[in-house]
């Protein structure tokens, strides 16, 4: 009698454990770990034709300082050269 009840209890436990993993309950709504950003370049820039980030430009090719936070000119005693770099006078 003891062996029969032990076998029945072991069989019941085997089926109870196996049934728990048959259909796991999935959460209904999950938060995405990805934070979406506009074009991935940040404020004051956009994607170019080959996927690289480029700064937004204003008229005549100058960088819009108000949008990008870039400095407006060269440091004191320097001037902006032909290719937009600062040079000593």
N, C-alpha and C. Protein backbone atom coordinates (compact mmCIF):
# COMPACT_ATOMS: atom_id res chain seq x y z
N UNK A 1 0.82 -1.19 0.00
CA UNK A 1 0.00 0.00 0.00
C UNK A 1 0.86 1.26 0.00
N UNK A 2 1.93 1.22 0.79
CA UNK A 2 2.80 2.39 0.84
C UNK A 2 3.47 2.64 -0.51
N UNK A 3 3.89 1.58 -1.18
CA UNK A 3 4.58 1.72 -2.46
C UNK A 3 3.61 2.26 -3.51
N UNK A 4 2.39 1.81 -3.51
CA UNK A 4 1.40 2.27 -4.47
C UNK A 4 1.10 3.75 -4.29
N UNK A 5 0.92 4.18 -3.07
CA UNK A 5 0.66 5.61 -2.83
C UNK A 5 1.88 6.46 -3.16
N UNK A 6 3.07 5.94 -2.93
CA UNK A 6 4.29 6.67 -3.27
C UNK A 6 4.44 6.81 -4.78
N UNK A 7 4.13 5.77 -5.54
CA UNK A 7 4.21 5.82 -7.00
C UNK A 7 3.16 6.78 -7.55
N UNK A 8 1.95 6.74 -7.00
CA UNK A 8 0.90 7.66 -7.45
C UNK A 8 1.27 9.12 -7.15
N UNK A 9 1.83 9.36 -5.99
CA UNK A 9 2.25 10.73 -5.64
C UNK A 9 3.37 11.21 -6.55
N UNK A 10 4.33 10.33 -6.85
CA UNK A 10 5.43 10.70 -7.75
C UNK A 10 4.91 10.98 -9.16
N UNK A 11 3.97 10.17 -9.64
CA UNK A 11 3.38 10.38 -10.96
C UNK A 11 2.60 11.69 -11.03
N UNK A 12 1.85 11.99 -9.98
CA UNK A 12 1.09 13.25 -9.95
C UNK A 12 2.03 14.45 -9.95
N UNK A 13 3.12 14.36 -9.22
CA UNK A 13 4.08 15.47 -9.20
C UNK A 13 4.76 15.63 -10.56
N UNK A 14 5.03 14.51 -11.24
CA UNK A 14 5.66 14.57 -12.55
C UNK A 14 4.77 15.29 -13.55
N UNK A 15 3.48 14.97 -13.56
CA UNK A 15 2.55 15.63 -14.47
C UNK A 15 2.30 17.08 -14.07
N UNK A 16 2.31 17.39 -12.80
CA UNK A 16 2.07 18.76 -12.34
C UNK A 16 3.23 19.67 -12.74
N UNK A 17 4.45 19.19 -12.63
CA UNK A 17 5.62 19.99 -12.99
C UNK A 17 5.70 20.16 -14.51
N UNK A 18 5.43 19.12 -15.27
CA UNK A 18 5.50 19.19 -16.73
C UNK A 18 4.45 20.11 -17.32
N UNK A 19 3.28 20.20 -16.72
CA UNK A 19 2.21 21.04 -17.25
C UNK A 19 2.46 22.52 -17.04
N UNK A 20 3.32 22.89 -16.12
CA UNK A 20 3.55 24.30 -15.84
C UNK A 20 4.30 24.99 -16.98
N UNK A 21 5.15 24.25 -17.70
CA UNK A 21 5.93 24.84 -18.77
C UNK A 21 5.31 24.64 -20.15
N UNK A 22 4.13 24.03 -20.21
CA UNK A 22 3.51 23.76 -21.50
C UNK A 22 3.11 25.05 -22.21
N UNK A 23 2.60 26.03 -21.47
CA UNK A 23 2.19 27.29 -22.07
C UNK A 23 2.47 28.42 -21.09
N UNK A 24 3.67 28.96 -21.12
CA UNK A 24 3.98 30.04 -20.18
C UNK A 24 3.18 31.31 -20.51
N UNK A 25 2.81 32.02 -19.50
CA UNK A 25 2.05 33.25 -19.69
C UNK A 25 3.01 34.39 -20.03
N UNK A 26 2.77 35.05 -21.14
CA UNK A 26 3.61 36.17 -21.57
C UNK A 26 2.98 37.47 -21.10
N UNK A 27 3.79 38.46 -20.77
CA UNK A 27 3.21 39.76 -20.39
C UNK A 27 2.47 40.39 -21.57
N UNK A 28 1.41 41.11 -21.28
CA UNK A 28 0.59 41.68 -22.34
C UNK A 28 1.27 42.85 -23.04
N UNK A 29 1.88 43.75 -22.29
CA UNK A 29 2.54 44.91 -22.89
C UNK A 29 3.94 45.05 -22.30
N UNK A 30 4.92 45.27 -23.17
CA UNK A 30 6.29 45.44 -22.71
C UNK A 30 6.79 46.81 -23.13
N UNK A 31 7.60 47.43 -22.28
CA UNK A 31 8.24 48.68 -22.64
C UNK A 31 9.44 48.38 -23.51
N UNK A 32 9.62 49.16 -24.53
CA UNK A 32 10.74 48.95 -25.44
C UNK A 32 12.03 49.49 -24.81
N UNK A 33 13.13 48.73 -24.86
CA UNK A 33 14.39 49.23 -24.31
C UNK A 33 15.07 50.24 -25.24
N UNK A 34 14.52 50.45 -26.44
CA UNK A 34 15.11 51.37 -27.41
C UNK A 34 14.45 52.73 -27.28
N UNK A 35 15.25 53.79 -27.20
CA UNK A 35 14.74 55.15 -27.17
C UNK A 35 14.87 55.72 -28.58
N UNK A 36 13.75 56.10 -29.16
CA UNK A 36 13.76 56.60 -30.52
C UNK A 36 14.25 58.05 -30.55
N UNK A 37 15.11 58.35 -31.49
CA UNK A 37 15.61 59.71 -31.69
C UNK A 37 15.40 60.08 -33.15
N UNK A 38 15.19 61.35 -33.40
CA UNK A 38 14.93 61.80 -34.75
C UNK A 38 16.19 61.65 -35.59
N UNK A 39 16.20 60.73 -36.50
CA UNK A 39 17.28 60.45 -37.45
C UNK A 39 18.57 60.02 -36.77
N UNK A 40 18.63 60.00 -35.45
CA UNK A 40 19.80 59.51 -34.75
C UNK A 40 21.00 60.43 -34.73
N UNK A 41 20.87 61.66 -35.22
CA UNK A 41 22.00 62.58 -35.29
C UNK A 41 21.98 63.63 -34.19
N UNK A 42 20.86 63.82 -33.53
CA UNK A 42 20.78 64.82 -32.48
C UNK A 42 20.27 66.15 -33.02
N UNK A 43 20.19 67.12 -32.11
CA UNK A 43 19.64 68.43 -32.46
C UNK A 43 20.63 69.20 -33.32
N UNK A 44 20.18 69.80 -34.40
CA UNK A 44 21.03 70.62 -35.26
C UNK A 44 21.77 69.83 -36.32
N UNK A 45 21.38 68.58 -36.56
CA UNK A 45 22.04 67.77 -37.58
C UNK A 45 21.00 66.88 -38.27
N UNK A 46 21.38 66.37 -39.43
CA UNK A 46 20.49 65.50 -40.19
C UNK A 46 21.32 64.44 -40.90
N UNK A 47 20.64 63.42 -41.44
CA UNK A 47 21.32 62.36 -42.17
C UNK A 47 21.63 62.82 -43.60
N UNK A 48 22.83 62.51 -44.06
CA UNK A 48 23.22 62.81 -45.43
C UNK A 48 22.79 61.70 -46.37
N UNK A 49 23.19 61.80 -47.65
CA UNK A 49 22.76 60.80 -48.63
C UNK A 49 23.33 59.40 -48.38
N UNK A 50 24.47 59.29 -47.71
CA UNK A 50 25.07 57.99 -47.45
C UNK A 50 24.90 57.54 -46.01
N UNK A 51 24.04 58.19 -45.25
CA UNK A 51 23.72 57.77 -43.90
C UNK A 51 24.53 58.44 -42.81
N UNK A 52 25.50 59.27 -43.14
CA UNK A 52 26.30 59.96 -42.13
C UNK A 52 25.59 61.20 -41.61
N UNK A 53 25.98 61.67 -40.43
CA UNK A 53 25.37 62.86 -39.84
C UNK A 53 26.05 64.11 -40.37
N UNK A 54 25.25 65.12 -40.72
CA UNK A 54 25.75 66.40 -41.20
C UNK A 54 25.08 67.51 -40.40
N UNK A 55 25.82 68.59 -40.16
CA UNK A 55 25.26 69.73 -39.45
C UNK A 55 24.30 70.48 -40.36
N UNK A 56 23.23 71.02 -39.78
CA UNK A 56 22.32 71.86 -40.54
C UNK A 56 23.03 73.15 -40.91
N UNK A 57 22.88 73.58 -42.12
CA UNK A 57 23.56 74.78 -42.61
C UNK A 57 22.53 75.86 -42.96
N UNK A 58 22.95 77.09 -42.81
CA UNK A 58 22.10 78.21 -43.15
C UNK A 58 22.45 78.74 -44.53
N UNK A 59 22.05 79.97 -44.84
CA UNK A 59 22.39 80.56 -46.13
C UNK A 59 23.91 80.75 -46.26
N UNK A 60 24.42 80.57 -47.46
CA UNK A 60 25.85 80.70 -47.78
C UNK A 60 26.73 79.68 -47.06
N UNK A 61 26.17 78.59 -46.56
CA UNK A 61 26.96 77.52 -45.98
C UNK A 61 27.43 77.73 -44.56
N UNK A 62 27.00 78.79 -43.90
CA UNK A 62 27.45 79.02 -42.53
C UNK A 62 26.62 78.18 -41.56
N UNK A 63 27.23 77.77 -40.48
CA UNK A 63 26.52 76.96 -39.48
C UNK A 63 25.60 77.88 -38.67
N UNK A 64 24.39 77.46 -38.47
CA UNK A 64 23.47 78.25 -37.65
C UNK A 64 23.86 78.09 -36.19
N UNK A 65 24.43 79.12 -35.62
CA UNK A 65 24.93 79.05 -34.25
C UNK A 65 23.80 78.90 -33.24
N UNK A 66 22.64 79.48 -33.53
CA UNK A 66 21.54 79.38 -32.58
C UNK A 66 21.04 77.94 -32.46
N UNK A 67 21.08 77.18 -33.54
CA UNK A 67 20.56 75.81 -33.53
C UNK A 67 21.56 74.81 -32.98
N UNK A 68 22.82 74.94 -33.37
CA UNK A 68 23.80 73.92 -33.01
C UNK A 68 24.57 74.25 -31.75
N UNK A 69 24.56 75.49 -31.30
CA UNK A 69 25.35 75.88 -30.14
C UNK A 69 26.81 76.10 -30.47
N UNK A 70 27.13 76.13 -31.76
CA UNK A 70 28.51 76.33 -32.18
C UNK A 70 28.93 77.78 -31.92
N UNK A 71 30.21 78.03 -31.67
CA UNK A 71 30.65 79.41 -31.49
C UNK A 71 30.46 80.21 -32.76
N UNK A 72 30.19 81.50 -32.62
CA UNK A 72 29.87 82.33 -33.77
C UNK A 72 31.10 82.71 -34.60
N UNK A 73 32.23 82.84 -33.98
CA UNK A 73 33.39 83.27 -34.74
C UNK A 73 34.66 82.71 -34.16
N UNK A 74 35.77 83.31 -34.56
CA UNK A 74 37.08 82.88 -34.09
C UNK A 74 37.42 83.58 -32.78
N UNK A 75 38.38 83.05 -32.03
CA UNK A 75 38.84 83.72 -30.82
C UNK A 75 39.47 85.08 -31.13
N UNK A 76 39.71 85.91 -30.11
CA UNK A 76 40.31 87.22 -30.36
C UNK A 76 41.65 87.11 -31.09
N UNK A 77 41.96 88.10 -31.91
CA UNK A 77 43.18 88.21 -32.71
C UNK A 77 43.30 87.11 -33.77
N UNK A 78 42.18 86.55 -34.18
CA UNK A 78 42.18 85.55 -35.24
C UNK A 78 41.08 85.89 -36.24
N UNK A 79 41.21 85.36 -37.45
CA UNK A 79 40.18 85.57 -38.47
C UNK A 79 39.84 84.23 -39.12
N UNK A 80 38.66 84.18 -39.74
CA UNK A 80 38.22 82.96 -40.40
C UNK A 80 38.76 82.97 -41.83
N UNK A 81 39.46 81.92 -42.18
CA UNK A 81 40.09 81.81 -43.49
C UNK A 81 39.15 81.30 -44.57
N UNK A 82 39.74 80.97 -45.69
CA UNK A 82 39.01 80.57 -46.87
C UNK A 82 38.15 79.32 -46.65
N UNK A 83 38.64 78.35 -45.92
CA UNK A 83 37.92 77.09 -45.73
C UNK A 83 37.21 77.01 -44.38
N UNK A 84 37.01 78.14 -43.72
CA UNK A 84 36.26 78.17 -42.48
C UNK A 84 37.09 77.93 -41.23
N UNK A 85 38.40 77.84 -41.35
CA UNK A 85 39.26 77.64 -40.19
C UNK A 85 39.77 78.98 -39.68
N UNK A 86 40.12 79.02 -38.40
CA UNK A 86 40.62 80.24 -37.78
C UNK A 86 42.14 80.33 -37.94
N UNK A 87 42.62 81.53 -38.30
CA UNK A 87 44.06 81.77 -38.50
C UNK A 87 44.47 83.00 -37.70
N UNK A 88 45.75 83.05 -37.30
CA UNK A 88 46.28 84.24 -36.62
C UNK A 88 46.51 85.35 -37.63
N UNK A 89 46.33 86.59 -37.17
CA UNK A 89 46.55 87.75 -38.04
C UNK A 89 48.01 88.06 -38.17
